[in-house]
Amino acid sequence: MEIGKRIKQIRISKNMLSGELASKAGISNVYLSYIENGTKTPTIDTLKKICSAMGISLVEIFKEDDNEFNKEYHELLENAKGLSPKQLKILNQIIKLIKDDE
């Protein structure tokens, strides 16, 4: 999938208007339109700003599979971001216990 199409897909899935995303990313709405339509290719810095404005990681732009598993996985990662190292260790132990119990 092209980067611009992926940005648009994610933006729409987050119910964001193009003007809102452009403003949050610090770019013009026209430039965002060019990116989404494949006319322009964003720099890595611009791509980082767009991702940050949408609340996603840069890696998510390059992923094409957006099934329910991935949404659950990403929710788990988002929830784990603020955990302390000790809490992360406990969470991993719980996950291993659940997997071993299957």
PDB file of N, CA and C in Angstrom:
ATOM      1  N   MET A   1       0.839  -1.187   0.000  1.00  0.00           N
ATOM      2  CA  MET A   1       0.000   0.000   0.000  1.00  0.00           C
ATOM      3  C   MET A   1       0.879   1.244   0.000  1.00  0.00           C
ATOM      4  N   GLU A   2       0.419   2.241  -0.702  1.00  0.00           N
ATOM      5  CA  GLU A   2       1.151   3.495  -0.747  1.00  0.00           C
ATOM      6  C   GLU A   2       1.000   4.233   0.587  1.00  0.00           C
ATOM      7  N   ILE A   3       2.040   4.950   0.969  1.00  0.00           N
ATOM      8  CA  ILE A   3       2.049   5.677   2.243  1.00  0.00           C
ATOM      9  C   ILE A   3       0.874   6.642   2.349  1.00  0.00           C
ATOM     10  N   GLY A   4       0.638   7.412   1.295  1.00  0.00           N
ATOM     11  CA  GLY A   4      -0.443   8.387   1.324  1.00  0.00           C
ATOM     12  C   GLY A   4      -1.803   7.753   1.541  1.00  0.00           C
ATOM     13  N   LYS A   5      -2.039   6.641   0.858  1.00  0.00           N
ATOM     14  CA  LYS A   5      -3.312   5.931   1.031  1.00  0.00           C
ATOM     15  C   LYS A   5      -3.444   5.401   2.449  1.00  0.00           C
ATOM     16  N   ARG A   6      -2.322   4.926   2.991  1.00  0.00           N
ATOM     17  CA  ARG A   6      -2.342   4.398   4.355  1.00  0.00           C
ATOM     18  C   ARG A   6      -2.624   5.512   5.364  1.00  0.00           C
ATOM     19  N   ILE A   7      -2.012   6.673   5.167  1.00  0.00           N
ATOM     20  CA  ILE A   7      -2.263   7.810   6.054  1.00  0.00           C
ATOM     21  C   ILE A   7      -3.753   8.166   6.021  1.00  0.00           C
ATOM     22  N   LYS A   8      -4.303   8.243   4.825  1.00  0.00           N
ATOM     23  CA  LYS A   8      -5.715   8.581   4.679  1.00  0.00           C
ATOM     24  C   LYS A   8      -6.604   7.538   5.342  1.00  0.00           C
ATOM     25  N   GLN A   9      -6.262   6.273   5.148  1.00  0.00           N
ATOM     26  CA  GLN A   9      -7.030   5.174   5.750  1.00  0.00           C
ATOM     27  C   GLN A   9      -7.038   5.303   7.268  1.00  0.00           C
ATOM     28  N   ILE A  10      -5.881   5.539   7.849  1.00  0.00           N
ATOM     29  CA  ILE A  10      -5.794   5.656   9.309  1.00  0.00           C
ATOM     30  C   ILE A  10      -6.521   6.913   9.783  1.00  0.00           C
ATOM     31  N   ARG A  11      -6.324   8.016   9.067  1.00  0.00           N
ATOM     32  CA  ARG A  11      -6.986   9.276   9.436  1.00  0.00           C
ATOM     33  C   ARG A  11      -8.502   9.088   9.466  1.00  0.00           C
ATOM     34  N   ILE A  12      -9.042   8.462   8.441  1.00  0.00           N
ATOM     35  CA  ILE A  12     -10.487   8.239   8.365  1.00  0.00           C
ATOM     36  C   ILE A  12     -10.944   7.295   9.474  1.00  0.00           C
ATOM     37  N   SER A  13     -10.152   6.259   9.754  1.00  0.00           N
ATOM     38  CA  SER A  13     -10.526   5.318  10.816  1.00  0.00           C
ATOM     39  C   SER A  13     -10.552   5.987  12.182  1.00  0.00           C
ATOM     40  N   LYS A  14      -9.816   7.083  12.318  1.00  0.00           N
ATOM     41  CA  LYS A  14      -9.789   7.838  13.579  1.00  0.00           C
ATOM     42  C   LYS A  14     -10.764   9.015  13.550  1.00  0.00           C
ATOM     43  N   ASN A  15     -11.602   9.053  12.518  1.00  0.00           N
ATOM     44  CA  ASN A  15     -12.602  10.110  12.364  1.00  0.00           C
ATOM     45  C   ASN A  15     -11.990  11.503  12.399  1.00  0.00           C
ATOM     46  N   MET A  16     -10.844  11.649  11.759  1.00  0.00           N
ATOM     47  CA  MET A  16     -10.172  12.947  11.690  1.00  0.00           C
ATOM     48  C   MET A  16     -10.404  13.562  10.317  1.00  0.00           C
ATOM     49  N   LEU A  17     -10.669  14.848  10.310  1.00  0.00           N
ATOM     50  CA  LEU A  17     -10.737  15.576   9.057  1.00  0.00           C
ATOM     51  C   LEU A  17      -9.319  15.893   8.611  1.00  0.00           C
ATOM     52  N   SER A  18      -9.127  16.054   7.325  1.00  0.00           N
ATOM     53  CA  SER A  18      -7.785  16.335   6.813  1.00  0.00           C
ATOM     54  C   SER A  18      -7.236  17.637   7.392  1.00  0.00           C
ATOM     55  N   GLY A  19      -8.080  18.649   7.524  1.00  0.00           N
ATOM     56  CA  GLY A  19      -7.636  19.919   8.095  1.00  0.00           C
ATOM     57  C   GLY A  19      -7.177  19.782   9.526  1.00  0.00           C
ATOM     58  N   GLU A  20      -7.854  18.931  10.289  1.00  0.00           N
ATOM     59  CA  GLU A  20      -7.483  18.679  11.680  1.00  0.00           C
ATOM     60  C   GLU A  20      -6.112  18.013  11.759  1.00  0.00           C
ATOM     61  N   LEU A  21      -5.909  16.998  10.927  1.00  0.00           N
ATOM     62  CA  LEU A  21      -4.630  16.297  10.920  1.00  0.00           C
ATOM     63  C   LEU A  21      -3.508  17.229  10.480  1.00  0.00           C
ATOM     64  N   ALA A  22      -3.747  17.971   9.420  1.00  0.00           N
ATOM     65  CA  ALA A  22      -2.726  18.902   8.917  1.00  0.00           C
ATOM     66  C   ALA A  22      -2.329  19.903   9.995  1.00  0.00           C
ATOM     67  N   SER A  23      -3.320  20.446  10.669  1.00  0.00           N
ATOM     68  CA  SER A  23      -3.053  21.425  11.720  1.00  0.00           C
ATOM     69  C   SER A  23      -2.240  20.812  12.861  1.00  0.00           C
ATOM     70  N   LYS A  24      -2.646  19.630  13.315  1.00  0.00           N
ATOM     71  CA  LYS A  24      -1.931  18.953  14.404  1.00  0.00           C
ATOM     72  C   LYS A  24      -0.510  18.576  14.002  1.00  0.00           C
ATOM     73  N   ALA A  25      -0.315  18.250  12.731  1.00  0.00           N
ATOM     74  CA  ALA A  25       1.007  17.841  12.238  1.00  0.00           C
ATOM     75  C   ALA A  25       1.878  19.043  11.862  1.00  0.00           C
ATOM     76  N   GLY A  26       1.276  20.219  11.812  1.00  0.00           N
ATOM     77  CA  GLY A  26       2.037  21.412  11.469  1.00  0.00           C
ATOM     78  C   GLY A  26       2.372  21.516   9.988  1.00  0.00           C
ATOM     79  N   ILE A  27       1.488  20.970   9.152  1.00  0.00           N
ATOM     80  CA  ILE A  27       1.679  21.065   7.700  1.00  0.00           C
ATOM     81  C   ILE A  27       0.417  21.661   7.096  1.00  0.00           C
ATOM     82  N   SER A  28       0.503  22.090   5.856  1.00  0.00           N
ATOM     83  CA  SER A  28      -0.682  22.667   5.220  1.00  0.00           C
ATOM     84  C   SER A  28      -1.642  21.558   4.786  1.00  0.00           C
ATOM     85  N   ASN A  29      -2.909  21.927   4.719  1.00  0.00           N
ATOM     86  CA  ASN A  29      -3.924  20.977   4.272  1.00  0.00           C
ATOM     87  C   ASN A  29      -3.663  20.561   2.819  1.00  0.00           C
ATOM     88  N   VAL A  30      -3.179  21.488   2.019  1.00  0.00           N
ATOM     89  CA  VAL A  30      -2.865  21.187   0.617  1.00  0.00           C
ATOM     90  C   VAL A  30      -1.743  20.149   0.539  1.00  0.00           C
ATOM     91  N   TYR A  31      -0.705  20.328   1.348  1.00  0.00           N
ATOM     92  CA  TYR A  31       0.408  19.377   1.346  1.00  0.00           C
ATOM     93  C   TYR A  31      -0.070  17.995   1.789  1.00  0.00           C
ATOM     94  N   LEU A  32      -0.914  17.948   2.831  1.00  0.00           N
ATOM     95  CA  LEU A  32      -1.454  16.666   3.280  1.00  0.00           C
ATOM     96  C   LEU A  32      -2.258  16.014   2.161  1.00  0.00           C
ATOM     97  N   SER A  33      -3.033  16.807   1.450  1.00  0.00           N
ATOM     98  CA  SER A  33      -3.810  16.282   0.330  1.00  0.00           C
ATOM     99  C   SER A  33      -2.892  15.687  -0.740  1.00  0.00           C
ATOM    100  N   TYR A  34      -1.804  16.378  -1.045  1.00  0.00           N
ATOM    101  CA  TYR A  34      -0.834  15.851  -2.007  1.00  0.00           C
ATOM    102  C   TYR A  34      -0.252  14.516  -1.533  1.00  0.00           C
ATOM    103  N   ILE A  35       0.052  14.444  -0.248  1.00  0.00           N
ATOM    104  CA  ILE A  35       0.606  13.202   0.320  1.00  0.00           C
ATOM    105  C   ILE A  35      -0.417  12.072   0.193  1.00  0.00           C
ATOM    106  N   GLU A  36      -1.648  12.341   0.642  1.00  0.00           N
ATOM    107  CA  GLU A  36      -2.677  11.302   0.621  1.00  0.00           C
ATOM    108  C   GLU A  36      -3.023  10.848  -0.794  1.00  0.00           C
ATOM    109  N   ASN A  37      -2.893  11.740  -1.757  1.00  0.00           N
ATOM    110  CA  ASN A  37      -3.190  11.385  -3.151  1.00  0.00           C
ATOM    111  C   ASN A  37      -1.990  10.825  -3.901  1.00  0.00           C
ATOM    112  N   GLY A  38      -0.840  10.745  -3.229  1.00  0.00           N
ATOM    113  CA  GLY A  38       0.347  10.164  -3.842  1.00  0.00           C
ATOM    114  C   GLY A  38       1.117  11.108  -4.744  1.00  0.00           C
ATOM    115  N   THR A  39       0.747  12.384  -4.757  1.00  0.00           N
ATOM    116  CA  THR A  39       1.444  13.364  -5.583  1.00  0.00           C
ATOM    117  C   THR A  39       2.789  13.743  -4.978  1.00  0.00           C
ATOM    118  N   LYS A  40       2.837  13.787  -3.652  1.00  0.00           N
ATOM    119  CA  LYS A  40       4.070  14.126  -2.932  1.00  0.00           C
ATOM    120  C   LYS A  40       4.391  12.993  -1.964  1.00  0.00           C
ATOM    121  N   THR A  41       5.683  12.826  -1.698  1.00  0.00           N
ATOM    122  CA  THR A  41       6.141  11.847  -0.708  1.00  0.00           C
ATOM    123  C   THR A  41       6.699  12.620   0.482  1.00  0.00           C
ATOM    124  N   PRO A  42       6.172  12.349   1.671  1.00  0.00           N
ATOM    125  CA  PRO A  42       6.640  13.094   2.846  1.00  0.00           C
ATOM    126  C   PRO A  42       8.043  12.678   3.274  1.00  0.00           C
ATOM    127  N   THR A  43       8.748  13.617   3.892  1.00  0.00           N
ATOM    128  CA  THR A  43      10.038  13.274   4.497  1.00  0.00           C
ATOM    129  C   THR A  43       9.765  12.445   5.741  1.00  0.00           C
ATOM    130  N   ILE A  44      10.788  11.820   6.266  1.00  0.00           N
ATOM    131  CA  ILE A  44      10.631  11.051   7.506  1.00  0.00           C
ATOM    132  C   ILE A  44      10.165  11.960   8.638  1.00  0.00           C
ATOM    133  N   ASP A  45      10.727  13.173   8.717  1.00  0.00           N
ATOM    134  CA  ASP A  45      10.307  14.105   9.766  1.00  0.00           C
ATOM    135  C   ASP A  45       8.824  14.442   9.652  1.00  0.00           C
ATOM    136  N   THR A  46       8.353  14.699   8.450  1.00  0.00           N
ATOM    137  CA  THR A  46       6.935  14.997   8.245  1.00  0.00           C
ATOM    138  C   THR A  46       6.087  13.782   8.582  1.00  0.00           C
ATOM    139  N   LEU A  47       6.546  12.609   8.186  1.00  0.00           N
ATOM    140  CA  LEU A  47       5.828  11.379   8.497  1.00  0.00           C
ATOM    141  C   LEU A  47       5.726  11.177  10.005  1.00  0.00           C
ATOM    142  N   LYS A  48       6.802  11.471  10.729  1.00  0.00           N
ATOM    143  CA  LYS A  48       6.771  11.367  12.193  1.00  0.00           C
ATOM    144  C   LYS A  48       5.744  12.324  12.781  1.00  0.00           C
ATOM    145  N   LYS A  49       5.680  13.538  12.243  1.00  0.00           N
ATOM    146  CA  LYS A  49       4.712  14.528  12.729  1.00  0.00           C
ATOM    147  C   LYS A  49       3.279  14.064  12.465  1.00  0.00           C
ATOM    148  N   ILE A  50       3.055  13.498  11.293  1.00  0.00           N
ATOM    149  CA  ILE A  50       1.728  13.000  10.946  1.00  0.00           C
ATOM    150  C   ILE A  50       1.336  11.854  11.879  1.00  0.00           C
ATOM    151  N   CYS A  51       2.266  10.944  12.099  1.00  0.00           N
ATOM    152  CA  CYS A  51       1.998   9.812  12.992  1.00  0.00           C
ATOM    153  C   CYS A  51       1.697  10.298  14.408  1.00  0.00           C
ATOM    154  N   SER A  52       2.510  11.221  14.880  1.00  0.00           N
ATOM    155  CA  SER A  52       2.302  11.773  16.219  1.00  0.00           C
ATOM    156  C   SER A  52       0.935  12.435  16.321  1.00  0.00           C
ATOM    157  N   ALA A  53       0.556  13.171  15.303  1.00  0.00           N
ATOM    158  CA  ALA A  53      -0.739  13.852  15.291  1.00  0.00           C
ATOM    159  C   ALA A  53      -1.902  12.860  15.311  1.00  0.00           C
ATOM    160  N   MET A  54      -1.687  11.673  14.746  1.00  0.00           N
ATOM    161  CA  MET A  54      -2.736  10.647  14.742  1.00  0.00           C
ATOM    162  C   MET A  54      -2.637   9.721  15.950  1.00  0.00           C
ATOM    163  N   GLY A  55      -1.587   9.899  16.742  1.00  0.00           N
ATOM    164  CA  GLY A  55      -1.423   9.058  17.932  1.00  0.00           C
ATOM    165  C   GLY A  55      -1.003   7.640  17.623  1.00  0.00           C
ATOM    166  N   ILE A  56      -0.197   7.479  16.579  1.00  0.00           N
ATOM    167  CA  ILE A  56       0.269   6.144  16.188  1.00  0.00           C
ATOM    168  C   ILE A  56       1.787   6.160  16.061  1.00  0.00           C
ATOM    169  N   SER A  57       2.355   4.972  16.001  1.00  0.00           N
ATOM    170  CA  SER A  57       3.797   4.863  15.796  1.00  0.00           C
ATOM    171  C   SER A  57       4.100   4.875  14.304  1.00  0.00           C
ATOM    172  N   LEU A  58       5.319   5.195  13.981  1.00  0.00           N
ATOM    173  CA  LEU A  58       5.757   5.212  12.588  1.00  0.00           C
ATOM    174  C   LEU A  58       5.595   3.826  11.950  1.00  0.00           C
ATOM    175  N   VAL A  59       5.784   2.792  12.726  1.00  0.00           N
ATOM    176  CA  VAL A  59       5.670   1.418  12.232  1.00  0.00           C
ATOM    177  C   VAL A  59       4.261   1.141  11.704  1.00  0.00           C
ATOM    178  N   GLU A  60       3.256   1.713  12.353  1.00  0.00           N
ATOM    179  CA  GLU A  60       1.874   1.442  11.961  1.00  0.00           C
ATOM    180  C   GLU A  60       1.546   1.923  10.549  1.00  0.00           C
ATOM    181  N   ILE A  61       2.264   2.930  10.072  1.00  0.00           N
ATOM    182  CA  ILE A  61       2.040   3.423   8.717  1.00  0.00           C
ATOM    183  C   ILE A  61       2.378   2.350   7.684  1.00  0.00           C
ATOM    184  N   PHE A  62       3.369   1.529   7.994  1.00  0.00           N
ATOM    185  CA  PHE A  62       3.842   0.549   7.023  1.00  0.00           C
ATOM    186  C   PHE A  62       3.144  -0.796   7.137  1.00  0.00           C
ATOM    187  N   LYS A  63       2.271  -0.935   8.117  1.00  0.00           N
ATOM    188  CA  LYS A  63       1.529  -2.177   8.264  1.00  0.00           C
ATOM    189  C   LYS A  63       0.299  -2.133   7.391  1.00  0.00           C
ATOM    190  N   GLU A  64       0.019  -3.213   6.728  1.00  0.00           N
ATOM    191  CA  GLU A  64      -1.149  -3.264   5.851  1.00  0.00           C
ATOM    192  C   GLU A  64      -2.276  -4.074   6.446  1.00  0.00           C
ATOM    193  N   ASP A  65      -1.988  -4.934   7.375  1.00  0.00           N
ATOM    194  CA  ASP A  65      -3.004  -5.804   7.948  1.00  0.00           C
ATOM    195  C   ASP A  65      -3.622  -5.128   9.153  1.00  0.00           C
ATOM    196  N   ASP A  66      -4.870  -4.773   9.057  1.00  0.00           N
ATOM    197  CA  ASP A  66      -5.548  -4.031  10.115  1.00  0.00           C
ATOM    198  C   ASP A  66      -6.690  -4.856  10.709  1.00  0.00           C
ATOM    199  N   ASN A  67      -6.462  -6.120  10.942  1.00  0.00           N
ATOM    200  CA  ASN A  67      -7.547  -6.942  11.458  1.00  0.00           C
ATOM    201  C   ASN A  67      -7.745  -6.727  12.959  1.00  0.00           C
ATOM    202  N   GLU A  68      -8.764  -7.343  13.511  1.00  0.00           N
ATOM    203  CA  GLU A  68      -9.125  -7.144  14.913  1.00  0.00           C
ATOM    204  C   GLU A  68      -8.001  -7.550  15.859  1.00  0.00           C
ATOM    205  N   PHE A  69      -7.253  -8.590  15.516  1.00  0.00           N
ATOM    206  CA  PHE A  69      -6.132  -9.005  16.358  1.00  0.00           C
ATOM    207  C   PHE A  69      -5.147  -7.857  16.549  1.00  0.00           C
ATOM    208  N   ASN A  70      -4.829  -7.178  15.457  1.00  0.00           N
ATOM    209  CA  ASN A  70      -3.883  -6.074  15.554  1.00  0.00           C
ATOM    210  C   ASN A  70      -4.409  -4.951  16.424  1.00  0.00           C
ATOM    211  N   LYS A  71      -5.699  -4.665  16.357  1.00  0.00           N
ATOM    212  CA  LYS A  71      -6.276  -3.622  17.202  1.00  0.00           C
ATOM    213  C   LYS A  71      -6.133  -3.992  18.672  1.00  0.00           C
ATOM    214  N   GLU A  72      -6.402  -5.238  19.005  1.00  0.00           N
ATOM    215  CA  GLU A  72      -6.269  -5.703  20.388  1.00  0.00           C
ATOM    216  C   GLU A  72      -4.808  -5.665  20.829  1.00  0.00           C
ATOM    217  N   TYR A  73      -3.931  -6.054  19.944  1.00  0.00           N
ATOM    218  CA  TYR A  73      -2.500  -6.039  20.230  1.00  0.00           C
ATOM    219  C   TYR A  73      -2.029  -4.622  20.502  1.00  0.00           C
ATOM    220  N   HIS A  74      -2.461  -3.696  19.666  1.00  0.00           N
ATOM    221  CA  HIS A  74      -2.050  -2.306  19.849  1.00  0.00           C
ATOM    222  C   HIS A  74      -2.640  -1.699  21.123  1.00  0.00           C
ATOM    223  N   GLU A  75      -3.846  -2.110  21.466  1.00  0.00           N
ATOM    224  CA  GLU A  75      -4.443  -1.634  22.714  1.00  0.00           C
ATOM    225  C   GLU A  75      -3.626  -2.131  23.904  1.00  0.00           C
ATOM    226  N   LEU A  76      -3.198  -3.371  23.842  1.00  0.00           N
ATOM    227  CA  LEU A  76      -2.358  -3.926  24.898  1.00  0.00           C
ATOM    228  C   LEU A  76      -1.049  -3.154  25.015  1.00  0.00           C
ATOM    229  N   LEU A  77      -0.430  -2.868  23.882  1.00  0.00           N
ATOM    230  CA  LEU A  77       0.828  -2.102  23.893  1.00  0.00           C
ATOM    231  C   LEU A  77       0.627  -0.706  24.460  1.00  0.00           C
ATOM    232  N   GLU A  78      -0.450  -0.048  24.064  1.00  0.00           N
ATOM    233  CA  GLU A  78      -0.729   1.296  24.577  1.00  0.00           C
ATOM    234  C   GLU A  78      -0.925   1.259  26.092  1.00  0.00           C
ATOM    235  N   ASN A  79      -1.641   0.264  26.569  1.00  0.00           N
ATOM    236  CA  ASN A  79      -1.872   0.139  28.010  1.00  0.00           C
ATOM    237  C   ASN A  79      -0.590  -0.170  28.766  1.00  0.00           C
ATOM    238  N   ALA A  80       0.329  -0.871  28.125  1.00  0.00           N
ATOM    239  CA  ALA A  80       1.574  -1.272  28.784  1.00  0.00           C
ATOM    240  C   ALA A  80       2.625  -0.167  28.787  1.00  0.00           C
ATOM    241  N   LYS A  81       2.453   0.853  27.965  1.00  0.00           N
ATOM    242  CA  LYS A  81       3.471   1.903  27.833  1.00  0.00           C
ATOM    243  C   LYS A  81       3.826   2.571  29.154  1.00  0.00           C
ATOM    244  N   GLY A  82       2.860   2.813  30.008  1.00  0.00           N
ATOM    245  CA  GLY A  82       3.126   3.536  31.242  1.00  0.00           C
ATOM    246  C   GLY A  82       3.512   2.662  32.424  1.00  0.00           C
ATOM    247  N   LEU A  83       3.666   1.379  32.195  1.00  0.00           N
ATOM    248  CA  LEU A  83       3.982   0.475  33.299  1.00  0.00           C
ATOM    249  C   LEU A  83       5.459   0.555  33.680  1.00  0.00           C
ATOM    250  N   SER A  84       5.707   0.312  34.942  1.00  0.00           N
ATOM    251  CA  SER A  84       7.090   0.260  35.430  1.00  0.00           C
ATOM    252  C   SER A  84       7.723  -1.048  34.970  1.00  0.00           C
ATOM    253  N   PRO A  85       9.047  -1.157  35.029  1.00  0.00           N
ATOM    254  CA  PRO A  85       9.691  -2.424  34.660  1.00  0.00           C
ATOM    255  C   PRO A  85       9.160  -3.610  35.469  1.00  0.00           C
ATOM    256  N   LYS A  86       8.893  -3.383  36.741  1.00  0.00           N
ATOM    257  CA  LYS A  86       8.363  -4.458  37.593  1.00  0.00           C
ATOM    258  C   LYS A  86       6.968  -4.871  37.126  1.00  0.00           C
ATOM    259  N   GLN A  87       6.134  -3.888  36.786  1.00  0.00           N
ATOM    260  CA  GLN A  87       4.786  -4.180  36.306  1.00  0.00           C
ATOM    261  C   GLN A  87       4.825  -4.900  34.959  1.00  0.00           C
ATOM    262  N   LEU A  88       5.752  -4.504  34.094  1.00  0.00           N
ATOM    263  CA  LEU A  88       5.893  -5.181  32.798  1.00  0.00           C
ATOM    264  C   LEU A  88       6.291  -6.641  32.987  1.00  0.00           C
ATOM    265  N   LYS A  89       7.176  -6.887  33.942  1.00  0.00           N
ATOM    266  CA  LYS A  89       7.599  -8.250  34.227  1.00  0.00           C
ATOM    267  C   LYS A  89       6.404  -9.084  34.691  1.00  0.00           C
ATOM    268  N   ILE A  90       5.577  -8.512  35.548  1.00  0.00           N
ATOM    269  CA  ILE A  90       4.391  -9.216  36.041  1.00  0.00           C
ATOM    270  C   ILE A  90       3.419  -9.478  34.897  1.00  0.00           C
ATOM    271  N   LEU A  91       3.210  -8.474  34.031  1.00  0.00           N
ATOM    272  CA  LEU A  91       2.317  -8.636  32.887  1.00  0.00           C
ATOM    273  C   LEU A  91       2.810  -9.756  31.973  1.00  0.00           C
ATOM    274  N   ASN A  92       4.105  -9.793  31.708  1.00  0.00           N
ATOM    275  CA  ASN A  92       4.661 -10.859  30.868  1.00  0.00           C
ATOM    276  C   ASN A  92       4.490 -12.223  31.511  1.00  0.00           C
ATOM    277  N   GLN A  93       4.636 -12.294  32.823  1.00  0.00           N
ATOM    278  CA  GLN A  93       4.437 -13.565  33.522  1.00  0.00           C
ATOM    279  C   GLN A  93       2.982 -14.025  33.400  1.00  0.00           C
ATOM    280  N   ILE A  94       2.053 -13.076  33.517  1.00  0.00           N
ATOM    281  CA  ILE A  94       0.631 -13.406  33.381  1.00  0.00           C
ATOM    282  C   ILE A  94       0.344 -13.919  31.979  1.00  0.00           C
ATOM    283  N   ILE A  95       0.882 -13.244  30.964  1.00  0.00           N
ATOM    284  CA  ILE A  95       0.668 -13.669  29.586  1.00  0.00           C
ATOM    285  C   ILE A  95       1.238 -15.064  29.353  1.00  0.00           C
ATOM    286  N   LYS A  96       2.422 -15.331  29.894  1.00  0.00           N
ATOM    287  CA  LYS A  96       3.015 -16.668  29.746  1.00  0.00           C
ATOM    288  C   LYS A  96       2.157 -17.723  30.428  1.00  0.00           C
ATOM    289  N   LEU A  97       1.609 -17.407  31.593  1.00  0.00           N
ATOM    290  CA  LEU A  97       0.744 -18.346  32.293  1.00  0.00           C
ATOM    291  C   LEU A  97      -0.512 -18.650  31.471  1.00  0.00           C
ATOM    292  N   ILE A  98      -1.080 -17.624  30.894  1.00  0.00           N
ATOM    293  CA  ILE A  98      -2.284 -17.798  30.065  1.00  0.00           C
ATOM    294  C   ILE A  98      -1.965 -18.657  28.852  1.00  0.00           C
ATOM    295  N   LYS A  99      -0.836 -18.390  28.196  1.00  0.00           N
ATOM    296  CA  LYS A  99      -0.442 -19.165  27.011  1.00  0.00           C
ATOM    297  C   LYS A  99      -0.166 -20.616  27.365  1.00  0.00           C
ATOM    298  N   ASP A 100       0.486 -20.841  28.504  1.00  0.00           N
ATOM    299  CA  ASP A 100       0.796 -22.207  28.934  1.00  0.00           C
ATOM    300  C   ASP A 100      -0.459 -22.977  29.314  1.00  0.00           C
ATOM    301  N   ASP A 101      -1.495 -22.244  29.723  1.00  0.00           N
ATOM    302  CA  ASP A 101      -2.737 -22.870  30.181  1.00  0.00           C
ATOM    303  C   ASP A 101      -3.620 -23.309  29.011  1.00  0.00           C
ATOM    304  N   GLU A 102      -3.334 -22.839  27.812  1.00  0.00           N
ATOM    305  CA  GLU A 102      -4.162 -23.160  26.639  1.00  0.00           C
ATOM    306  C   GLU A 102      -4.031 -24.592  26.217  1.00  0.00           C
TER     307      GLU A 102
END
